[in-house]
């Protein structure tokens, strides 16, 4: 019963989150009170990514990462990732005069790893248990925080550029919220999962796998930003989520290497 609850907890997060979103939207339209706009943007940007995070964790077969760790990762991973990426992108644009999409992808995919690396390194040092599924979930949490903050920024920009048109905000939240699981959340989850796999038992092969995974995330990100059409988004979503699903299934059966027992002493 408990495992079933964990597997389907994402439905509760999604239903409750959407109910709150539409409640705020209805009240905003009815009262025309602009004070409700921040609540609308916050809910619209975070409900689907949060539901996806709950969905992924419920299918790792482990459910070992505490909710407090995921909340800290999502908050600090999102804030630090957005600040670092925004600063580096601004500096690169100022120095180069242009900002290639591959450079944007490289900067953002690197910035989202800062907090997960700090957390994962701490866990590796302090705990013997090293499951790549934990890394994947922590990566998804960091990507979720980044995606939510970025979506909030786009929604706020849409509000200003449209002269306060709530419809423009709704459209932005719908498109970006719906595609968030296949974007930042999946890409960071893939990369951090591969990093944790390497840290669980360092080998050259696993290190190369991590580098290849990171490169794959950068390529997917670059393609996503370069071709803004529905067909491209659909293909990339299938690739990103399919890749993530394969690793989720693989990590469910992963067994960490146990240290050899110390020899008996007389």
C-alpha atoms as a PDB file:
ATOM      1  CA  UNK A   1       0.000   0.000   0.000  1.00  0.00           C
ATOM      2  CA  UNK A   2       2.790   2.403   0.919  1.00  0.00           C
ATOM      3  CA  UNK A   3       4.667   1.716  -2.327  1.00  0.00           C
ATOM      4  CA  UNK A   4       1.475   2.310  -4.309  1.00  0.00           C
ATOM      5  CA  UNK A   5       0.975   5.633  -2.539  1.00  0.00           C
ATOM      6  CA  UNK A   6       4.520   6.680  -3.395  1.00  0.00           C
ATOM      7  CA  UNK A   7       4.122   5.720  -7.034  1.00  0.00           C
ATOM      8  CA  UNK A   8       0.944   7.756  -7.420  1.00  0.00           C
ATOM      9  CA  UNK A   9       1.703  10.662  -5.092  1.00  0.00           C
ATOM     10  CA  UNK A  10       2.502  12.795  -8.151  1.00  0.00           C
ATOM     11  CA  UNK A  11      -1.161  12.750  -9.110  1.00  0.00           C
ATOM     12  CA  UNK A  12      -2.060  14.396  -5.808  1.00  0.00           C
ATOM     13  CA  UNK A  13       0.625  17.045  -6.293  1.00  0.00           C
ATOM     14  CA  UNK A  14      -0.612  17.764  -9.823  1.00  0.00           C
ATOM     15  CA  UNK A  15      -4.327  17.839  -8.991  1.00  0.00           C
ATOM     16  CA  UNK A  16      -3.960  19.962  -5.867  1.00  0.00           C
ATOM     17  CA  UNK A  17      -1.489  22.290  -7.566  1.00  0.00           C
ATOM     18  CA  UNK A  18      -3.692  22.824 -10.611  1.00  0.00           C
ATOM     19  CA  UNK A  19      -6.745  23.350  -8.400  1.00  0.00           C
ATOM     20  CA  UNK A  20      -4.925  26.078  -6.509  1.00  0.00           C
ATOM     21  CA  UNK A  21      -3.713  27.621  -9.765  1.00  0.00           C
ATOM     22  CA  UNK A  22      -7.196  27.825 -11.273  1.00  0.00           C
ATOM     23  CA  UNK A  23      -8.597  29.098  -7.982  1.00  0.00           C
ATOM     24  CA  UNK A  24      -6.093  31.956  -7.987  1.00  0.00           C
ATOM     25  CA  UNK A  25      -6.729  32.609 -11.687  1.00  0.00           C
ATOM     26  CA  UNK A  26     -10.502  32.734 -11.200  1.00  0.00           C
ATOM     27  CA  UNK A  27     -10.141  35.096  -8.263  1.00  0.00           C
ATOM     28  CA  UNK A  28      -7.727  37.303 -10.205  1.00  0.00           C
ATOM     29  CA  UNK A  29     -10.078  37.576 -13.169  1.00  0.00           C
ATOM     30  CA  UNK A  30     -13.074  38.199 -10.906  1.00  0.00           C
ATOM     31  CA  UNK A  31     -11.490  40.801  -8.641  1.00  0.00           C
ATOM     32  CA  UNK A  32      -8.898  42.282 -11.028  1.00  0.00           C
ATOM     33  CA  UNK A  33      -6.566  42.434  -8.036  1.00  0.00           C
ATOM     34  CA  UNK A  34      -2.944  42.620  -9.307  1.00  0.00           C
ATOM     35  CA  UNK A  35      -1.664  41.398  -5.943  1.00  0.00           C
ATOM     36  CA  UNK A  36      -2.677  37.892  -7.033  1.00  0.00           C
ATOM     37  CA  UNK A  37      -0.395  37.895 -10.081  1.00  0.00           C
ATOM     38  CA  UNK A  38       2.743  36.713  -8.181  1.00  0.00           C
ATOM     39  CA  UNK A  39       0.797  33.759  -6.726  1.00  0.00           C
ATOM     40  CA  UNK A  40      -0.475  32.873 -10.195  1.00  0.00           C
ATOM     41  CA  UNK A  41       3.033  32.966 -11.667  1.00  0.00           C
ATOM     42  CA  UNK A  42       4.521  30.973  -8.790  1.00  0.00           C
ATOM     43  CA  UNK A  43       1.935  28.200  -9.044  1.00  0.00           C
ATOM     44  CA  UNK A  44       1.963  28.135 -12.828  1.00  0.00           C
ATOM     45  CA  UNK A  45       5.740  27.825 -12.934  1.00  0.00           C
ATOM     46  CA  UNK A  46       6.170  25.179 -10.235  1.00  0.00           C
ATOM     47  CA  UNK A  47       3.185  22.788 -10.233  1.00  0.00           C
ATOM     48  CA  UNK A  48       4.132  20.602 -13.212  1.00  0.00           C
ATOM     49  CA  UNK A  49       7.873  20.425 -12.381  1.00  0.00           C
ATOM     50  CA  UNK A  50       7.034  19.522  -8.757  1.00  0.00           C
ATOM     51  CA  UNK A  51       4.643  16.796  -9.924  1.00  0.00           C
ATOM     52  CA  UNK A  52       7.312  15.441 -12.264  1.00  0.00           C
ATOM     53  CA  UNK A  53       9.861  15.352  -9.443  1.00  0.00           C
ATOM     54  CA  UNK A  54       7.402  13.394  -7.284  1.00  0.00           C
ATOM     55  CA  UNK A  55       6.681  11.067 -10.207  1.00  0.00           C
ATOM     56  CA  UNK A  56      10.363  10.331 -10.798  1.00  0.00           C
ATOM     57  CA  UNK A  57      11.168   9.700  -7.152  1.00  0.00           C
ATOM     58  CA  UNK A  58       8.229   7.366  -6.801  1.00  0.00           C
ATOM     59  CA  UNK A  59       9.702   5.208  -9.537  1.00  0.00           C
ATOM     60  CA  UNK A  60      13.303   4.947  -8.407  1.00  0.00           C
ATOM     61  CA  UNK A  61      12.423   1.994  -6.205  1.00  0.00           C
ATOM     62  CA  UNK A  62      14.386   3.601  -3.385  1.00  0.00           C
ATOM     63  CA  UNK A  63      12.607   6.720  -2.054  1.00  0.00           C
ATOM     64  CA  UNK A  64      15.644   7.491   0.039  1.00  0.00           C
ATOM     65  CA  UNK A  65      16.232  11.208  -0.610  1.00  0.00           C
ATOM     66  CA  UNK A  66      14.443  13.218   2.123  1.00  0.00           C
ATOM     67  CA  UNK A  67      11.948  15.851   1.042  1.00  0.00           C
ATOM     68  CA  UNK A  68      13.973  18.468   2.926  1.00  0.00           C
ATOM     69  CA  UNK A  69      17.019  17.731   0.750  1.00  0.00           C
ATOM     70  CA  UNK A  70      14.960  18.036  -2.415  1.00  0.00           C
ATOM     71  CA  UNK A  71      13.477  21.344  -1.266  1.00  0.00           C
ATOM     72  CA  UNK A  72      16.909  22.745  -0.449  1.00  0.00           C
ATOM     73  CA  UNK A  73      18.254  21.524  -3.787  1.00  0.00           C
ATOM     74  CA  UNK A  74      15.366  22.985  -5.755  1.00  0.00           C
ATOM     75  CA  UNK A  75      15.592  26.353  -4.005  1.00  0.00           C
ATOM     76  CA  UNK A  76      19.349  26.872  -3.870  1.00  0.00           C
ATOM     77  CA  UNK A  77      20.002  24.967  -7.090  1.00  0.00           C
ATOM     78  CA  UNK A  78      17.495  27.162  -8.883  1.00  0.00           C
ATOM     79  CA  UNK A  79      18.614  30.471  -7.400  1.00  0.00           C
ATOM     80  CA  UNK A  80      22.355  29.853  -7.651  1.00  0.00           C
ATOM     81  CA  UNK A  81      21.973  28.306 -11.094  1.00  0.00           C
ATOM     82  CA  UNK A  82      19.993  31.251 -12.442  1.00  0.00           C
ATOM     83  CA  UNK A  83      22.355  33.829 -10.902  1.00  0.00           C
ATOM     84  CA  UNK A  84      25.535  32.118 -12.111  1.00  0.00           C
ATOM     85  CA  UNK A  85      24.128  31.426 -15.576  1.00  0.00           C
ATOM     86  CA  UNK A  86      22.769  34.957 -15.914  1.00  0.00           C
ATOM     87  CA  UNK A  87      26.095  36.492 -14.888  1.00  0.00           C
ATOM     88  CA  UNK A  88      28.205  34.302 -17.177  1.00  0.00           C
ATOM     89  CA  UNK A  89      25.857  34.820 -20.113  1.00  0.00           C
ATOM     90  CA  UNK A  90      25.934  38.590 -19.590  1.00  0.00           C
ATOM     91  CA  UNK A  91      29.742  38.616 -19.423  1.00  0.00           C
ATOM     92  CA  UNK A  92      30.016  36.411 -22.518  1.00  0.00           C
ATOM     93  CA  UNK A  93      27.594  38.617 -24.448  1.00  0.00           C
ATOM     94  CA  UNK A  94      29.513  41.740 -23.431  1.00  0.00           C
ATOM     95  CA  UNK A  95      32.879  40.254 -24.412  1.00  0.00           C
ATOM     96  CA  UNK A  96      31.842  38.451 -27.594  1.00  0.00           C
ATOM     97  CA  UNK A  97      29.100  40.782 -28.819  1.00  0.00           C
ATOM     98  CA  UNK A  98      26.906  37.741 -29.483  1.00  0.00           C
ATOM     99  CA  UNK A  99      25.859  34.660 -27.554  1.00  0.00           C
ATOM    100  CA  UNK A 100      25.753  31.365 -29.487  1.00  0.00           C
ATOM    101  CA  UNK A 101      23.077  28.948 -28.351  1.00  0.00           C
ATOM    102  CA  UNK A 102      25.631  26.238 -27.617  1.00  0.00           C
ATOM    103  CA  UNK A 103      27.392  28.602 -25.207  1.00  0.00           C
ATOM    104  CA  UNK A 104      24.074  29.344 -23.470  1.00  0.00           C
ATOM    105  CA  UNK A 105      23.426  25.611 -23.112  1.00  0.00           C
ATOM    106  CA  UNK A 106      26.945  24.935 -21.824  1.00  0.00           C
ATOM    107  CA  UNK A 107      26.711  27.707 -19.227  1.00  0.00           C
ATOM    108  CA  UNK A 108      23.249  26.757 -17.978  1.00  0.00           C
ATOM    109  CA  UNK A 109      23.881  23.010 -17.836  1.00  0.00           C
ATOM    110  CA  UNK A 110      27.069  23.694 -15.850  1.00  0.00           C
ATOM    111  CA  UNK A 111      25.424  26.211 -13.501  1.00  0.00           C
ATOM    112  CA  UNK A 112      22.666  23.748 -12.577  1.00  0.00           C
ATOM    113  CA  UNK A 113      25.309  21.276 -11.348  1.00  0.00           C
ATOM    114  CA  UNK A 114      26.798  23.521  -8.648  1.00  0.00           C
ATOM    115  CA  UNK A 115      24.442  22.678  -5.784  1.00  0.00           C
ATOM    116  CA  UNK A 116      24.021  18.970  -6.712  1.00  0.00           C
ATOM    117  CA  UNK A 117      27.800  18.543  -6.794  1.00  0.00           C
ATOM    118  CA  UNK A 118      28.096  20.081  -3.334  1.00  0.00           C
ATOM    119  CA  UNK A 119      25.367  17.813  -1.993  1.00  0.00           C
ATOM    120  CA  UNK A 120      26.564  14.685  -3.734  1.00  0.00           C
ATOM    121  CA  UNK A 121      30.167  15.209  -2.700  1.00  0.00           C
ATOM    122  CA  UNK A 122      29.063  15.629   0.912  1.00  0.00           C
ATOM    123  CA  UNK A 123      27.001  12.447   0.774  1.00  0.00           C
ATOM    124  CA  UNK A 124      29.838  10.488  -0.830  1.00  0.00           C
ATOM    125  CA  UNK A 125      32.226  11.548   1.895  1.00  0.00           C
ATOM    126  CA  UNK A 126      29.880  11.037   4.849  1.00  0.00           C
ATOM    127  CA  UNK A 127      27.803   8.015   3.809  1.00  0.00           C
ATOM    128  CA  UNK A 128      28.649   4.590   2.429  1.00  0.00           C
ATOM    129  CA  UNK A 129      25.365   4.278   0.501  1.00  0.00           C
ATOM    130  CA  UNK A 130      25.798   5.592  -3.049  1.00  0.00           C
ATOM    131  CA  UNK A 131      22.842   5.032  -5.353  1.00  0.00           C
ATOM    132  CA  UNK A 132      22.772   6.802  -8.738  1.00  0.00           C
ATOM    133  CA  UNK A 133      18.992   7.059  -8.407  1.00  0.00           C
ATOM    134  CA  UNK A 134      19.610   9.547  -5.582  1.00  0.00           C
ATOM    135  CA  UNK A 135      21.776  11.617  -7.887  1.00  0.00           C
ATOM    136  CA  UNK A 136      19.165  11.512 -10.626  1.00  0.00           C
ATOM    137  CA  UNK A 137      16.440  12.753  -8.263  1.00  0.00           C
ATOM    138  CA  UNK A 138      18.670  15.490  -6.828  1.00  0.00           C
ATOM    139  CA  UNK A 139      19.488  16.555 -10.378  1.00  0.00           C
ATOM    140  CA  UNK A 140      15.820  16.689 -11.270  1.00  0.00           C
ATOM    141  CA  UNK A 141      15.202  18.851  -8.189  1.00  0.00           C
ATOM    142  CA  UNK A 142      17.934  21.299  -9.198  1.00  0.00           C
ATOM    143  CA  UNK A 143      16.636  21.425 -12.767  1.00  0.00           C
ATOM    144  CA  UNK A 144      13.116  21.934 -11.431  1.00  0.00           C
ATOM    145  CA  UNK A 145      14.186  24.962  -9.395  1.00  0.00           C
ATOM    146  CA  UNK A 146      16.030  26.447 -12.358  1.00  0.00           C
ATOM    147  CA  UNK A 147      13.126  25.827 -14.737  1.00  0.00           C
ATOM    148  CA  UNK A 148      10.564  27.288 -12.314  1.00  0.00           C
ATOM    149  CA  UNK A 149      12.544  30.499 -11.736  1.00  0.00           C
ATOM    150  CA  UNK A 150      13.240  30.886 -15.434  1.00  0.00           C
ATOM    151  CA  UNK A 151       9.550  30.402 -16.222  1.00  0.00           C
ATOM    152  CA  UNK A 152       8.606  32.990 -13.604  1.00  0.00           C
ATOM    153  CA  UNK A 153      10.966  35.436 -15.292  1.00  0.00           C
ATOM    154  CA  UNK A 154       9.466  34.788 -18.722  1.00  0.00           C
ATOM    155  CA  UNK A 155       5.940  35.127 -17.332  1.00  0.00           C
ATOM    156  CA  UNK A 156       6.795  38.440 -15.671  1.00  0.00           C
ATOM    157  CA  UNK A 157       8.339  39.695 -18.918  1.00  0.00           C
ATOM    158  CA  UNK A 158       5.206  38.640 -20.799  1.00  0.00           C
ATOM    159  CA  UNK A 159       3.091  40.562 -18.290  1.00  0.00           C
ATOM    160  CA  UNK A 160       5.120  43.748 -18.782  1.00  0.00           C
ATOM    161  CA  UNK A 161       5.444  43.524 -22.566  1.00  0.00           C
ATOM    162  CA  UNK A 162       1.696  42.896 -22.979  1.00  0.00           C
ATOM    163  CA  UNK A 163       0.697  45.836 -20.807  1.00  0.00           C
ATOM    164  CA  UNK A 164      -0.672  43.669 -18.001  1.00  0.00           C
ATOM    165  CA  UNK A 165      -2.516  41.117 -20.159  1.00  0.00           C
ATOM    166  CA  UNK A 166      -3.128  38.053 -17.974  1.00  0.00           C
ATOM    167  CA  UNK A 167      -3.793  35.977 -21.083  1.00  0.00           C
ATOM    168  CA  UNK A 168      -0.165  36.393 -22.178  1.00  0.00           C
ATOM    169  CA  UNK A 169       0.979  35.255 -18.751  1.00  0.00           C
ATOM    170  CA  UNK A 170      -1.284  32.182 -18.923  1.00  0.00           C
ATOM    171  CA  UNK A 171       0.052  31.232 -22.348  1.00  0.00           C
ATOM    172  CA  UNK A 172       3.662  31.532 -21.202  1.00  0.00           C
ATOM    173  CA  UNK A 173       3.012  29.514 -18.055  1.00  0.00           C
ATOM    174  CA  UNK A 174       1.154  26.829 -19.996  1.00  0.00           C
ATOM    175  CA  UNK A 175       3.829  26.318 -22.656  1.00  0.00           C
ATOM    176  CA  UNK A 176       6.835  26.470 -20.368  1.00  0.00           C
ATOM    177  CA  UNK A 177       5.189  24.568 -17.518  1.00  0.00           C
ATOM    178  CA  UNK A 178       4.096  21.778 -19.844  1.00  0.00           C
ATOM    179  CA  UNK A 179       7.536  21.407 -21.435  1.00  0.00           C
ATOM    180  CA  UNK A 180       9.586  21.808 -18.231  1.00  0.00           C
ATOM    181  CA  UNK A 181       9.844  18.045 -17.468  1.00  0.00           C
ATOM    182  CA  UNK A 182      11.401  17.407 -20.880  1.00  0.00           C
ATOM    183  CA  UNK A 183      13.807  20.344 -20.541  1.00  0.00           C
ATOM    184  CA  UNK A 184      15.893  21.492 -17.609  1.00  0.00           C
ATOM    185  CA  UNK A 185      14.563  18.897 -15.164  1.00  0.00           C
ATOM    186  CA  UNK A 186      15.334  15.908 -17.389  1.00  0.00           C
ATOM    187  CA  UNK A 187      18.706  17.178 -18.610  1.00  0.00           C
ATOM    188  CA  UNK A 188      20.050  17.909 -15.141  1.00  0.00           C
ATOM    189  CA  UNK A 189      18.659  14.640 -13.792  1.00  0.00           C
ATOM    190  CA  UNK A 190      20.464  12.707 -16.526  1.00  0.00           C
ATOM    191  CA  UNK A 191      23.776  14.455 -15.897  1.00  0.00           C
ATOM    192  CA  UNK A 192      23.752  14.236 -12.104  1.00  0.00           C
ATOM    193  CA  UNK A 193      22.632  10.607 -12.225  1.00  0.00           C
ATOM    194  CA  UNK A 194      25.625   9.784 -14.428  1.00  0.00           C
ATOM    195  CA  UNK A 195      27.899  11.735 -12.084  1.00  0.00           C
ATOM    196  CA  UNK A 196      26.643   9.776  -9.070  1.00  0.00           C
ATOM    197  CA  UNK A 197      27.136   6.507 -10.963  1.00  0.00           C
ATOM    198  CA  UNK A 198      30.748   7.504 -11.501  1.00  0.00           C
ATOM    199  CA  UNK A 199      31.210   8.496  -7.846  1.00  0.00           C
ATOM    200  CA  UNK A 200      29.700   5.207  -6.650  1.00  0.00           C
ATOM    201  CA  UNK A 201      32.681   3.334  -8.130  1.00  0.00           C
ATOM    202  CA  UNK A 202      35.063   5.528 -10.150  1.00  0.00           C
ATOM    203  CA  UNK A 203      36.244   4.013 -13.416  1.00  0.00           C
ATOM    204  CA  UNK A 204      37.387   5.491 -16.699  1.00  0.00           C
ATOM    205  CA  UNK A 205      34.320   4.084 -18.449  1.00  0.00           C
ATOM    206  CA  UNK A 206      31.911   5.698 -15.999  1.00  0.00           C
ATOM    207  CA  UNK A 207      33.767   8.997 -16.164  1.00  0.00           C
ATOM    208  CA  UNK A 208      33.497   8.963 -19.961  1.00  0.00           C
ATOM    209  CA  UNK A 209      29.806   8.082 -19.601  1.00  0.00           C
ATOM    210  CA  UNK A 210      29.323  11.135 -17.394  1.00  0.00           C
ATOM    211  CA  UNK A 211      31.096  13.376 -19.931  1.00  0.00           C
ATOM    212  CA  UNK A 212      29.017  11.910 -22.766  1.00  0.00           C
ATOM    213  CA  UNK A 213      25.807  12.432 -20.781  1.00  0.00           C
ATOM    214  CA  UNK A 214      26.714  16.033 -20.058  1.00  0.00           C
ATOM    215  CA  UNK A 215      27.543  16.582 -23.729  1.00  0.00           C
ATOM    216  CA  UNK A 216      24.221  15.001 -24.706  1.00  0.00           C
ATOM    217  CA  UNK A 217      22.356  17.356 -22.367  1.00  0.00           C
ATOM    218  CA  UNK A 218      24.162  20.330 -23.907  1.00  0.00           C
ATOM    219  CA  UNK A 219      23.255  19.159 -27.423  1.00  0.00           C
ATOM    220  CA  UNK A 220      19.592  18.660 -26.485  1.00  0.00           C
ATOM    221  CA  UNK A 221      19.521  22.080 -24.811  1.00  0.00           C
ATOM    222  CA  UNK A 222      21.162  23.775 -27.798  1.00  0.00           C
ATOM    223  CA  UNK A 223      18.740  22.161 -30.239  1.00  0.00           C
ATOM    224  CA  UNK A 224      15.782  23.128 -28.040  1.00  0.00           C
ATOM    225  CA  UNK A 225      16.830  26.781 -28.030  1.00  0.00           C
ATOM    226  CA  UNK A 226      17.760  26.869 -31.718  1.00  0.00           C
ATOM    227  CA  UNK A 227      14.558  25.498 -33.272  1.00  0.00           C
ATOM    228  CA  UNK A 228      11.406  26.996 -31.803  1.00  0.00           C
ATOM    229  CA  UNK A 229       8.696  24.842 -33.358  1.00  0.00           C
ATOM    230  CA  UNK A 230       6.279  22.257 -32.036  1.00  0.00           C
ATOM    231  CA  UNK A 231       7.715  19.319 -34.009  1.00  0.00           C
ATOM    232  CA  UNK A 232      11.226  19.922 -32.684  1.00  0.00           C
ATOM    233  CA  UNK A 233       9.968  20.238 -29.123  1.00  0.00           C
ATOM    234  CA  UNK A 234       8.004  16.997 -29.479  1.00  0.00           C
ATOM    235  CA  UNK A 235      11.001  15.056 -30.809  1.00  0.00           C
ATOM    236  CA  UNK A 236      13.332  16.437 -28.144  1.00  0.00           C
ATOM    237  CA  UNK A 237      10.778  15.705 -25.428  1.00  0.00           C
ATOM    238  CA  UNK A 238      10.574  12.063 -26.522  1.00  0.00           C
ATOM    239  CA  UNK A 239      14.375  11.788 -26.595  1.00  0.00           C
ATOM    240  CA  UNK A 240      14.885  13.479 -23.217  1.00  0.00           C
ATOM    241  CA  UNK A 241      12.111  11.691 -21.331  1.00  0.00           C
ATOM    242  CA  UNK A 242      12.854   8.367 -23.029  1.00  0.00           C
ATOM    243  CA  UNK A 243      16.495   8.599 -22.014  1.00  0.00           C
ATOM    244  CA  UNK A 244      15.482   9.490 -18.473  1.00  0.00           C
ATOM    245  CA  UNK A 245      13.036   6.574 -18.304  1.00  0.00           C
ATOM    246  CA  UNK A 246      15.745   4.144 -19.420  1.00  0.00           C
ATOM    247  CA  UNK A 247      18.097   5.345 -16.693  1.00  0.00           C
ATOM    248  CA  UNK A 248      15.341   5.251 -14.070  1.00  0.00           C
ATOM    249  CA  UNK A 249      14.759   1.617 -14.935  1.00  0.00           C
ATOM    250  CA  UNK A 250      18.474   0.867 -14.942  1.00  0.00           C
ATOM    251  CA  UNK A 251      19.112   2.571 -11.614  1.00  0.00           C
ATOM    252  CA  UNK A 252      16.316   0.623  -9.938  1.00  0.00           C
ATOM    253  CA  UNK A 253      18.456  -2.523 -10.140  1.00  0.00           C
ATOM    254  CA  UNK A 254      21.796  -0.865  -9.428  1.00  0.00           C
ATOM    255  CA  UNK A 255      23.742  -2.418  -6.561  1.00  0.00           C
ATOM    256  CA  UNK A 256      26.541  -0.315  -5.050  1.00  0.00           C
ATOM    257  CA  UNK A 257      29.881  -1.926  -4.584  1.00  0.00           C
ATOM    258  CA  UNK A 258      30.425  -2.845  -0.964  1.00  0.00           C
ATOM    259  CA  UNK A 259      33.755  -2.435   0.691  1.00  0.00           C
ATOM    260  CA  UNK A 260      35.596  -5.696   1.305  1.00  0.00           C
ATOM    261  CA  UNK A 261      35.445  -6.829   4.946  1.00  0.00           C
ATOM    262  CA  UNK A 262      38.516  -6.182   7.017  1.00  0.00           C
ATOM    263  CA  UNK A 263      40.657  -9.279   7.627  1.00  0.00           C
ATOM    264  CA  UNK A 264      40.215 -10.934  10.981  1.00  0.00           C
ATOM    265  CA  UNK A 265      42.876 -10.279  13.544  1.00  0.00           C
ATOM    266  CA  UNK A 266      44.033 -12.705  16.149  1.00  0.00           C
END
